[in-house]
Protein backbone atom coordinates (compact mmCIF):
# COMPACT_ATOMS: atom_id res chain seq x y z
CA UNK A 1 0.00 0.00 0.00
CA UNK A 2 2.89 2.35 0.77
CA UNK A 3 4.50 1.67 -2.60
CA UNK A 4 1.22 2.33 -4.43
CA UNK A 5 0.61 5.69 -2.79
CA UNK A 6 4.27 6.70 -3.20
CA UNK A 7 4.04 6.17 -6.95
CA UNK A 8 1.00 8.37 -7.54
CA UNK A 9 2.22 11.15 -5.22
CA UNK A 10 5.78 11.08 -6.57
CA UNK A 11 4.56 11.86 -10.09
CA UNK A 12 3.32 15.26 -8.87
CA UNK A 13 6.83 16.32 -7.86
CA UNK A 14 8.62 14.62 -10.77
CA UNK A 15 6.52 16.35 -13.43
CA UNK A 16 7.79 19.78 -12.44
CA UNK A 17 11.34 18.69 -13.27
CA UNK A 18 10.30 17.72 -16.81
CA UNK A 19 9.09 21.19 -17.80
CA UNK A 20 12.41 22.43 -19.30
CA UNK A 21 12.63 19.41 -21.60
CA UNK A 22 8.95 19.68 -22.47
CA UNK A 23 9.41 23.33 -23.42
CA UNK A 24 12.19 22.40 -25.85
CA UNK A 25 10.36 19.35 -27.26
CA UNK A 26 8.66 18.95 -30.63
CA UNK A 27 5.27 19.59 -28.97
CA UNK A 28 6.23 23.28 -28.50
CA UNK A 29 3.79 23.92 -25.62
CA UNK A 30 3.01 27.47 -24.60
CA UNK A 31 3.54 28.60 -21.01
CA UNK A 32 -0.20 28.24 -20.37
CA UNK A 33 -0.17 24.72 -21.82
CA UNK A 34 2.79 23.78 -19.62
CA UNK A 35 0.78 24.87 -16.61
CA UNK A 36 -2.13 22.68 -17.63
CA UNK A 37 0.13 19.70 -18.31
CA UNK A 38 1.13 19.88 -14.64
CA UNK A 39 -2.20 20.98 -13.17
CA UNK A 40 -4.59 18.65 -15.03
CA UNK A 41 -3.24 15.74 -12.97
CA UNK A 42 -3.51 17.64 -9.68
CA UNK A 43 -6.99 19.01 -10.41
CA UNK A 44 -8.55 15.65 -11.21
CA UNK A 45 -6.59 13.87 -8.48
CA UNK A 46 -7.77 16.26 -5.75
CA UNK A 47 -11.29 16.76 -7.10
CA UNK A 48 -12.15 13.04 -7.16
CA UNK A 49 -10.59 11.93 -3.87
CA UNK A 50 -13.73 12.04 -1.71
CA UNK A 51 -16.05 10.35 -4.26
CA UNK A 52 -13.32 7.79 -5.00
CA UNK A 53 -12.99 6.98 -1.31
CA UNK A 54 -16.76 6.58 -0.98
CA UNK A 55 -16.77 4.34 -4.07
CA UNK A 56 -14.15 2.14 -2.40
CA UNK A 57 -16.38 1.82 0.65
CA UNK A 58 -19.29 0.75 -1.54
CA UNK A 59 -17.50 -1.64 -3.91
CA UNK A 60 -14.56 -2.68 -1.76
CA UNK A 61 -11.20 -0.88 -1.54
CA UNK A 62 -9.22 -3.64 -3.27
CA UNK A 63 -11.33 -3.36 -6.43
CA UNK A 64 -10.98 0.43 -6.36
CA UNK A 65 -7.20 0.13 -5.97
CA UNK A 66 -6.84 -2.34 -8.85
CA UNK A 67 -8.96 -0.12 -11.10
CA UNK A 68 -7.00 2.95 -10.05
CA UNK A 69 -3.61 1.39 -10.85
CA UNK A 70 -4.89 0.24 -14.26
CA UNK A 71 -6.25 3.71 -15.10
CA UNK A 72 -3.05 5.35 -13.84
CA UNK A 73 -0.87 3.08 -16.00
CA UNK A 74 -3.06 3.70 -19.05
CA UNK A 75 -2.77 7.44 -18.58
CA UNK A 76 1.02 7.20 -18.30
CA UNK A 77 1.27 5.14 -21.52
CA UNK A 78 -0.95 7.61 -23.40
CA UNK A 79 1.16 10.51 -22.09
CA UNK A 80 4.38 8.87 -23.28
CA UNK A 81 2.88 8.39 -26.75
CA UNK A 82 1.08 11.76 -26.93
CA UNK A 83 1.39 13.29 -30.42
CA UNK A 84 0.26 16.75 -29.29
CA UNK A 85 -0.34 18.85 -26.20
CA UNK A 86 -4.10 18.21 -26.05
CA UNK A 87 -3.60 14.43 -25.83
CA UNK A 88 -0.87 14.90 -23.21
CA UNK A 89 -3.16 17.04 -21.01
CA UNK A 90 -6.00 14.51 -21.37
CA UNK A 91 -3.65 11.64 -20.50
CA UNK A 92 -2.43 13.47 -17.43
CA UNK A 93 -6.04 14.00 -16.33
CA UNK A 94 -6.72 10.28 -16.81
CA UNK A 95 -3.72 9.41 -14.64
CA UNK A 96 -5.07 11.81 -12.01
CA UNK A 97 -8.38 9.94 -11.98
CA UNK A 98 -6.47 6.70 -11.37
CA UNK A 99 -4.45 8.32 -8.59
CA UNK A 100 -7.69 9.48 -6.92
CA UNK A 101 -8.83 5.85 -6.71
CA UNK A 102 -5.44 4.68 -5.43
CA UNK A 103 -4.79 7.06 -2.53
CA UNK A 104 -7.89 6.51 -0.33
CA UNK A 105 -7.97 2.78 -1.11
CA UNK A 106 -4.41 2.26 0.12
CA UNK A 107 -5.09 3.91 3.48
CA UNK A 108 -8.44 2.15 3.83
CA UNK A 109 -6.88 -1.27 3.19
CA UNK A 110 -3.99 -0.54 5.55
CA UNK A 111 -6.36 0.40 8.39
CA UNK A 112 -8.90 -2.38 7.77
CA UNK A 113 -6.24 -5.09 7.50
CA UNK A 114 -4.50 -4.14 10.74
CA UNK A 115 -5.70 -5.38 14.14
CA UNK A 116 -7.16 -2.59 16.30
CA UNK A 117 -4.01 -2.17 18.40
CA UNK A 118 -1.88 -1.72 15.24
CA UNK A 119 -4.08 0.70 13.29
CA UNK A 120 -2.25 3.79 14.50
CA UNK A 121 1.01 2.16 13.40
CA UNK A 122 -0.46 1.36 9.97
CA UNK A 123 -1.51 4.98 9.53
CA UNK A 124 1.96 6.13 10.61
CA UNK A 125 3.70 3.89 8.05
CA UNK A 126 1.36 5.10 5.30
CA UNK A 127 1.96 8.71 6.32
CA UNK A 128 5.71 8.23 6.22
CA UNK A 129 5.42 6.81 2.72
CA UNK A 130 3.49 9.82 1.47
CA UNK A 131 6.17 12.10 2.89
CA UNK A 132 8.96 10.06 1.28
CA UNK A 133 7.09 10.22 -2.04
CA UNK A 134 8.20 13.81 -2.57
CA UNK A 135 11.82 12.70 -2.24
CA UNK A 136 11.21 9.79 -4.59
CA UNK A 137 9.63 12.09 -7.17
CA UNK A 138 12.43 14.65 -6.98
CA UNK A 139 15.32 12.17 -6.93
CA UNK A 140 13.87 9.51 -9.23
CA UNK A 141 12.48 12.08 -11.65
CA UNK A 142 15.77 13.98 -11.64
CA UNK A 143 17.76 10.83 -12.45
CA UNK A 144 15.38 9.76 -15.22
CA UNK A 145 15.37 13.21 -16.81
CA UNK A 146 19.13 13.52 -16.52
CA UNK A 147 19.53 10.78 -19.16
CA UNK A 148 16.16 10.38 -20.92
CA UNK A 149 13.69 12.70 -22.69
CA UNK A 150 10.54 13.79 -20.89
CA UNK A 151 8.66 10.70 -22.11
CA UNK A 152 11.00 8.59 -19.97
CA UNK A 153 9.13 9.75 -16.88
CA UNK A 154 5.96 8.03 -18.11
CA UNK A 155 7.74 4.99 -19.56
CA UNK A 156 9.12 4.41 -16.05
CA UNK A 157 5.83 5.04 -14.22
CA UNK A 158 3.59 2.76 -16.32
CA UNK A 159 5.50 -0.53 -15.72
CA UNK A 160 5.82 0.34 -12.03
CA UNK A 161 2.03 0.73 -11.81
CA UNK A 162 1.44 -2.57 -13.64
CA UNK A 163 3.87 -4.39 -11.33
CA UNK A 164 2.08 -2.98 -8.28
CA UNK A 165 -1.25 -3.99 -9.81
CA UNK A 166 -0.04 -7.61 -10.09
CA UNK A 167 1.30 -7.58 -6.51
CA UNK A 168 -1.91 -6.04 -5.20
CA UNK A 169 -4.05 -8.66 -6.94
CA UNK A 170 -1.93 -11.45 -5.45
CA UNK A 171 -1.11 -10.20 -1.95
CA UNK A 172 -3.85 -7.83 -0.79
CA UNK A 173 -6.79 -9.34 1.10
CA UNK A 174 -10.31 -8.40 0.15
CA UNK A 175 -12.08 -6.43 2.85
CA UNK A 176 -15.81 -6.15 3.30
CA UNK A 177 -17.54 -3.49 1.23
CA UNK A 178 -20.42 -1.40 2.49
CA UNK A 179 -23.19 -1.87 -0.08
CA UNK A 180 -25.50 0.27 2.03
CA UNK A 181 -23.25 3.30 1.57
CA UNK A 182 -24.78 6.21 -0.31
CA UNK A 183 -24.22 6.61 -4.05
CA UNK A 184 -25.61 10.19 -4.18
CA UNK A 185 -24.88 11.11 -7.82
CA UNK A 186 -26.17 14.67 -7.33
CA UNK A 187 -23.93 15.31 -4.33
CA UNK A 188 -20.96 13.72 -6.10
CA UNK A 189 -21.40 15.93 -9.17
CA UNK A 190 -21.73 19.08 -7.08
CA UNK A 191 -18.67 18.24 -4.98
CA UNK A 192 -16.46 17.30 -7.93
CA UNK A 193 -17.38 20.33 -10.04
CA UNK A 194 -17.14 22.70 -7.08
CA UNK A 195 -13.76 21.30 -6.06
CA UNK A 196 -12.43 21.58 -9.62
CA UNK A 197 -13.60 25.20 -9.84
CA UNK A 198 -11.99 26.11 -6.50
CA UNK A 199 -8.71 24.37 -7.33
CA UNK A 200 -8.60 26.03 -10.75
CA UNK A 201 -8.99 29.43 -9.12
CA UNK A 202 -6.25 28.70 -6.57
CA UNK A 203 -3.83 27.34 -9.17
CA UNK A 204 -4.45 30.02 -11.78
CA UNK A 205 -4.62 32.95 -9.33
CA UNK A 206 -0.86 33.65 -9.02
CA UNK A 207 -0.33 33.60 -12.80
CA UNK A 208 -3.49 35.29 -14.09
CA UNK A 209 -4.05 37.62 -11.14
CA UNK A 210 -6.70 37.25 -8.46
CA UNK A 211 -8.90 39.86 -10.11
CA UNK A 212 -8.84 38.26 -13.59
CA UNK A 213 -12.18 37.16 -15.13
CA UNK A 214 -11.09 33.50 -15.17
CA UNK A 215 -10.20 33.40 -11.48
CA UNK A 216 -13.23 35.39 -10.32
CA UNK A 217 -15.55 33.20 -12.40
CA UNK A 218 -14.01 30.04 -10.93
CA UNK A 219 -14.37 31.37 -7.38
CA UNK A 220 -18.01 32.30 -8.03
CA UNK A 221 -18.72 28.84 -9.52
CA UNK A 222 -16.99 27.16 -6.59
CA UNK A 223 -19.05 29.13 -4.06
CA UNK A 224 -22.28 28.34 -5.92
CA UNK A 225 -21.59 24.63 -6.40
CA UNK A 226 -20.11 23.93 -2.96
CA UNK A 227 -22.93 25.90 -1.33
CA UNK A 228 -25.40 23.77 -3.27
CA UNK A 229 -23.49 20.66 -2.15
CA UNK A 230 -23.85 21.65 1.51
CA UNK A 231 -27.55 22.42 1.05
CA UNK A 232 -28.07 19.09 -0.72
CA UNK A 233 -26.22 17.25 2.04
CA UNK A 234 -28.46 18.79 4.71
CA UNK A 235 -31.62 17.82 2.83
CA UNK A 236 -30.74 14.42 1.34
CA UNK A 237 -31.65 11.25 3.19
CA UNK A 238 -28.33 9.58 2.31
CA UNK A 239 -25.75 12.19 1.25
CA UNK A 240 -22.22 11.47 0.06
CA UNK A 241 -20.87 13.61 2.92
CA UNK A 242 -23.22 14.82 5.63
CA UNK A 243 -22.10 18.39 6.53
CA UNK A 244 -23.33 17.74 10.08
CA UNK A 245 -20.34 15.44 10.56
CA UNK A 246 -18.21 18.57 10.89
CA UNK A 247 -19.97 19.50 14.10
CA UNK A 248 -17.46 17.12 15.71
CA UNK A 249 -14.37 19.06 16.74
CA UNK A 250 -12.01 16.10 16.16
CA UNK A 251 -13.01 15.82 12.51
CA UNK A 252 -12.67 19.58 11.98
CA UNK A 253 -9.31 19.56 13.73
CA UNK A 254 -8.01 16.63 11.68
CA UNK A 255 -9.03 18.09 8.33
CA UNK A 256 -7.77 21.60 9.17
CA UNK A 257 -4.50 20.25 10.61
CA UNK A 258 -3.73 18.18 7.52
CA UNK A 259 -4.56 21.19 5.33
CA UNK A 260 -2.22 23.38 7.38
CA UNK A 261 0.68 20.92 7.19
CA UNK A 262 0.52 20.62 3.42
CA UNK A 263 0.03 24.35 3.06
CA UNK A 264 3.43 24.82 4.69
CA UNK A 265 5.09 21.91 2.90
CA UNK A 266 4.07 23.02 -0.58
CA UNK A 267 4.98 26.62 0.13
CA UNK A 268 8.46 25.11 0.52
CA UNK A 269 8.20 22.79 -2.50
CA UNK A 270 7.08 25.67 -4.75
CA UNK A 271 10.45 27.41 -4.40
CA UNK A 272 12.78 24.63 -3.27
CA UNK A 273 13.82 23.37 -6.71
CA UNK A 274 14.21 26.92 -8.05
CA UNK A 275 16.26 27.97 -5.03
CA UNK A 276 18.59 24.98 -5.21
CA UNK A 277 19.09 25.19 -8.98
CA UNK A 278 19.11 28.96 -9.55
CA UNK A 279 20.48 30.37 -6.30
CA UNK A 280 22.75 27.43 -5.37
CA UNK A 281 23.61 26.16 -8.87
CA UNK A 282 22.69 22.50 -8.25
CA UNK A 283 21.86 20.08 -11.09
CA UNK A 284 18.31 18.58 -11.18
CA UNK A 285 19.54 15.27 -9.72
CA UNK A 286 21.50 16.95 -6.92
CA UNK A 287 18.57 19.26 -6.19
CA UNK A 288 16.34 16.20 -5.85
CA UNK A 289 18.83 14.56 -3.49
CA UNK A 290 19.22 17.74 -1.45
CA UNK A 291 15.65 17.51 -0.17
CA UNK A 292 16.50 14.15 1.39
CA UNK A 293 16.19 15.36 5.02
CA UNK A 294 12.43 15.77 4.48
CA UNK A 295 12.03 12.10 3.49
CA UNK A 296 14.38 10.74 6.16
CA UNK A 297 12.77 12.76 8.94
CA UNK A 298 9.28 11.80 7.85
CA UNK A 299 10.08 8.08 7.68
CA UNK A 300 11.72 8.03 11.11
CA UNK A 301 9.40 10.26 13.11
CA UNK A 302 6.13 9.06 11.57
CA UNK A 303 6.99 5.58 12.84
CA UNK A 304 7.83 6.97 16.30
CA UNK A 305 4.70 9.10 16.45
CA UNK A 306 2.25 6.37 17.62
CA UNK A 307 4.56 5.59 20.55
CA UNK A 308 4.67 9.25 21.58
CA UNK A 309 0.91 9.63 21.10
CA UNK A 310 0.31 6.60 23.34
CA UNK A 311 2.49 8.13 26.05
CA UNK A 312 1.62 11.83 25.85
CA UNK A 313 -1.66 11.96 23.93
CA UNK A 314 -2.43 13.23 20.40
CA UNK A 315 -2.86 16.90 21.23
CA UNK A 316 0.69 17.55 22.53
CA UNK A 317 2.21 15.74 19.53
CA UNK A 318 0.09 17.71 17.06
CA UNK A 319 0.97 20.97 18.84
CA UNK A 320 4.69 20.16 18.87
CA UNK A 321 4.66 19.05 15.23
CA UNK A 322 2.86 22.15 13.99
CA UNK A 323 5.21 24.32 16.06
CA UNK A 324 8.24 22.67 14.41
CA UNK A 325 6.75 23.31 10.98
CA UNK A 326 5.99 26.93 11.79
CA UNK A 327 9.47 27.60 13.18
CA UNK A 328 11.00 25.89 10.14
CA UNK A 329 9.09 28.13 7.73
CA UNK A 330 10.14 31.17 9.73
CA UNK A 331 13.80 30.14 9.55
CA UNK A 332 13.51 29.61 5.79
CA UNK A 333 12.66 33.31 5.46
CA UNK A 334 16.27 34.02 6.55
CA UNK A 335 17.83 31.86 3.81
CA UNK A 336 19.53 33.38 0.74
CA UNK A 337 22.00 32.34 -1.94
CA UNK A 338 24.95 32.50 0.47
CA UNK A 339 23.42 30.13 3.02
CA UNK A 340 25.44 26.86 3.28
CA UNK A 341 23.59 23.65 2.60
CA UNK A 342 23.96 22.17 6.10
CA UNK A 343 21.86 24.86 7.87
CA UNK A 344 19.30 24.58 5.07
CA UNK A 345 19.21 20.79 5.52
CA UNK A 346 18.77 21.23 9.29
CA UNK A 347 15.70 23.41 8.69
CA UNK A 348 14.26 20.79 6.32
CA UNK A 349 14.86 18.13 8.97
CA UNK A 350 13.06 20.25 11.59
CA UNK A 351 10.04 20.53 9.29
CA UNK A 352 10.14 16.78 8.64
CA UNK A 353 10.12 16.11 12.38
CA UNK A 354 7.04 18.32 12.65
CA UNK A 355 5.24 16.47 9.88
CA UNK A 356 6.23 13.07 11.21
CA UNK A 357 4.94 13.82 14.71
CA UNK A 358 1.66 15.49 13.73
CA UNK A 359 0.45 13.79 10.54
CA UNK A 360 -0.30 10.28 11.91
CA UNK A 361 -2.47 11.45 14.85
CA UNK A 362 -4.27 13.96 12.61
CA UNK A 363 -4.98 11.33 9.94
CA UNK A 364 -6.10 8.86 12.59
CA UNK A 365 -8.40 11.53 14.04
CA UNK A 366 -10.10 11.95 10.65
CA UNK A 367 -10.51 8.20 10.16
CA UNK A 368 -11.76 7.49 13.69
CA UNK A 369 -14.32 10.31 13.48
CA UNK A 370 -16.28 8.22 10.95
CA UNK A 371 -17.82 4.75 11.23
CA UNK A 372 -15.45 1.87 10.49
CA UNK A 373 -17.25 0.97 7.25
CA UNK A 374 -16.63 4.50 5.90
CA UNK A 375 -12.83 4.24 6.05
CA UNK A 376 -12.62 5.03 2.34
CA UNK A 377 -14.56 8.26 2.79
CA UNK A 378 -12.32 9.17 5.72
CA UNK A 379 -9.26 8.46 3.57
CA UNK A 380 -10.74 10.61 0.81
CA UNK A 381 -11.34 13.50 3.23
CA UNK A 382 -7.78 13.16 4.48
CA UNK A 383 -6.41 13.15 0.92
CA UNK A 384 -8.59 16.06 -0.18
CA UNK A 385 -7.33 18.11 2.77
CA UNK A 386 -3.76 17.36 1.66
CA UNK A 387 -4.38 18.45 -1.93
CA UNK A 388 -6.31 21.62 -1.05
CA UNK A 389 -3.62 22.55 1.45
CA UNK A 390 -0.98 22.00 -1.22
CA UNK A 391 -2.85 24.22 -3.68
CA UNK A 392 -3.25 26.94 -1.06
CA UNK A 393 0.46 26.82 -0.21
CA UNK A 394 1.48 27.17 -3.85
CA UNK A 395 -1.07 29.94 -4.42
CA UNK A 396 0.07 31.93 -1.39
CA UNK A 397 3.78 31.61 -2.16
CA UNK A 398 3.30 32.30 -5.86
CA UNK A 399 1.19 35.39 -5.22
CA UNK A 400 3.63 36.93 -2.74
CA UNK A 401 6.63 36.25 -4.98
CA UNK A 402 4.88 37.60 -8.08
CA UNK A 403 4.08 40.87 -6.29
CA UNK A 404 7.61 41.28 -4.90
CA UNK A 405 10.15 43.21 -6.96
CA UNK A 406 13.29 42.66 -4.89
CA UNK A 407 14.61 39.56 -6.65
CA UNK A 408 14.07 35.83 -6.22
CA UNK A 409 15.51 35.31 -2.74
CA UNK A 410 13.85 38.46 -1.38
CA UNK A 411 10.50 37.37 -2.77
CA UNK A 412 11.06 33.88 -1.36
CA UNK A 413 11.74 35.36 2.10
CA UNK A 414 8.57 37.46 1.94
CA UNK A 415 6.55 34.42 0.88
CA UNK A 416 7.88 32.36 3.76
CA UNK A 417 6.98 35.10 6.25
CA UNK A 418 3.39 35.09 5.00
CA UNK A 419 3.27 31.29 5.04
CA UNK A 420 4.60 31.27 8.62
CA UNK A 421 1.83 33.60 9.78
CA UNK A 422 -0.90 31.56 8.05
CA UNK A 423 0.43 28.26 9.40
CA UNK A 424 0.64 29.68 12.93
CA UNK A 425 -3.02 30.74 12.74
CA UNK A 426 -4.28 27.43 11.29
CA UNK A 427 -2.16 25.44 13.74
CA UNK A 428 -3.52 27.34 16.73
CA UNK A 429 -7.12 26.67 15.67
CA UNK A 430 -6.31 22.99 15.12
CA UNK A 431 -4.82 22.56 18.60
CA UNK A 432 -7.76 24.40 20.20
CA UNK A 433 -10.23 22.09 18.45
CA UNK A 434 -8.29 19.06 19.71
CA UNK A 435 -8.78 19.96 23.36
CA UNK A 436 -10.49 17.17 25.34
CA UNK A 437 -14.21 17.46 25.93
CA UNK A 438 -15.25 18.52 29.43
CA UNK A 439 -17.68 15.64 29.71
CA UNK A 440 -18.17 12.78 27.25
CA UNK A 441 -21.86 12.78 28.16
CA UNK A 442 -22.37 16.33 26.89
CA UNK A 443 -20.69 15.94 23.51
CA UNK A 444 -19.99 12.38 22.32
CA UNK A 445 -18.37 13.69 19.13
CA UNK A 446 -15.90 15.81 21.09
CA UNK A 447 -15.20 12.97 23.51
CA UNK A 448 -13.76 11.08 20.56
CA UNK A 449 -10.86 13.55 20.50
CA UNK A 450 -9.59 12.15 23.77
CA UNK A 451 -8.66 8.90 22.01
CA UNK A 452 -8.68 9.31 18.22
CA UNK A 453 -7.09 5.89 17.77
CA UNK A 454 -10.40 4.31 18.86
CA UNK A 455 -12.93 3.69 16.04
CA UNK A 456 -16.20 5.56 16.49
CA UNK A 457 -18.24 2.35 16.45
CA UNK A 458 -16.22 0.71 19.21
CA UNK A 459 -18.16 0.08 22.41
CA UNK A 460 -15.52 -1.73 24.47
CA UNK A 461 -12.42 -0.11 25.96
CA UNK A 462 -9.62 0.13 23.34
CA UNK A 463 -6.64 -2.17 23.55
CA UNK A 464 -3.48 -0.38 24.65
CA UNK A 465 -0.96 0.28 21.92
CA UNK A 466 2.50 -1.21 22.43
CA UNK A 467 4.89 1.32 23.90
């Protein structure tokens, strides 16, 4: 499951490294077309995560995962063979649809397959894999593009997806589906279209300007469609996502916390490759390797996180993790072209420690706030929070840098200062929402926050996690 999710997430980072070769290729894409070659994957991936997770609940997560890997591989093959830009953009969108099926299914299978006392550990391993995926995309993509044309990225991804499909079919157990889960085609359409409109506005805002007709129209459409989705969810007998679920503070805290973490991480990723290549003069492969502290820290501390959560509770770990991320972003605002690599790597490691400590308990909080048979929906909510946070981080950093006239490193510093302030605000709200309920009898939903590793449907005391 970790390998599957690493593959689909890694392609997001790797694609950015292919843009120089794509620009010089026989396709001759314009700057706007280059943006859509990258963003079509992200838009469809993020927009379909929640419906894809709910589909996995209804039909079984293993079937959703197998279908997702097949669709992802098909999209990669079509992208490698694309004769023009339009086909390439469509192929990237198809791969994004496959990725949307893969991500929630992998987390759902990991949680469902683990015994109750090991579920927090399963979530931690999966979380570490998603963090390492950025490293894999940067390093693997850099090595492939160092020696092969841009098509090599897709020729490498397609066989990897097919191999994982065969391993999944052979090794992964089938878990019970939830045929009673809601289909809700109206709610699904409203959510998907509203999410796509909002993501388009966030992605296009820095380049086109926040007051441009395209961006304003997308924001208006997003408000209309998502508002209609909420209204439909309140009225429908069996909605895709019942908005009343968000009355529970743990669920709100988990979703907001995941959004905040990826806001900060992608504010970094937006400028990291440019900083290392332009300001430091690194090659693409070395630049990919230089972000290694993020992957190493995530892998180590995400595995340690369940042990710390068992000893100290989820709220202190989330607070400490978000504080590390916030301090790391603040320190990055002091970096310039003369900064040695070792201090820069130390800051990346600090941010990785923050992610590793806070992501597993936040993800577990989201999953445990829903019934056990809706693990796919919980995984989809968790993934959607990641992708929207990522888009917000890129939008914020891109906007600040575009409006700054003092050069690249000065604009980068200004962007990191803004990102630090936003992350501090979101992190504070998250920690406040995670505070234990005064009395479980007065608010059962809030009482769940005292032990987010316990499934909502559990009626017996939870087994203690191994220390």
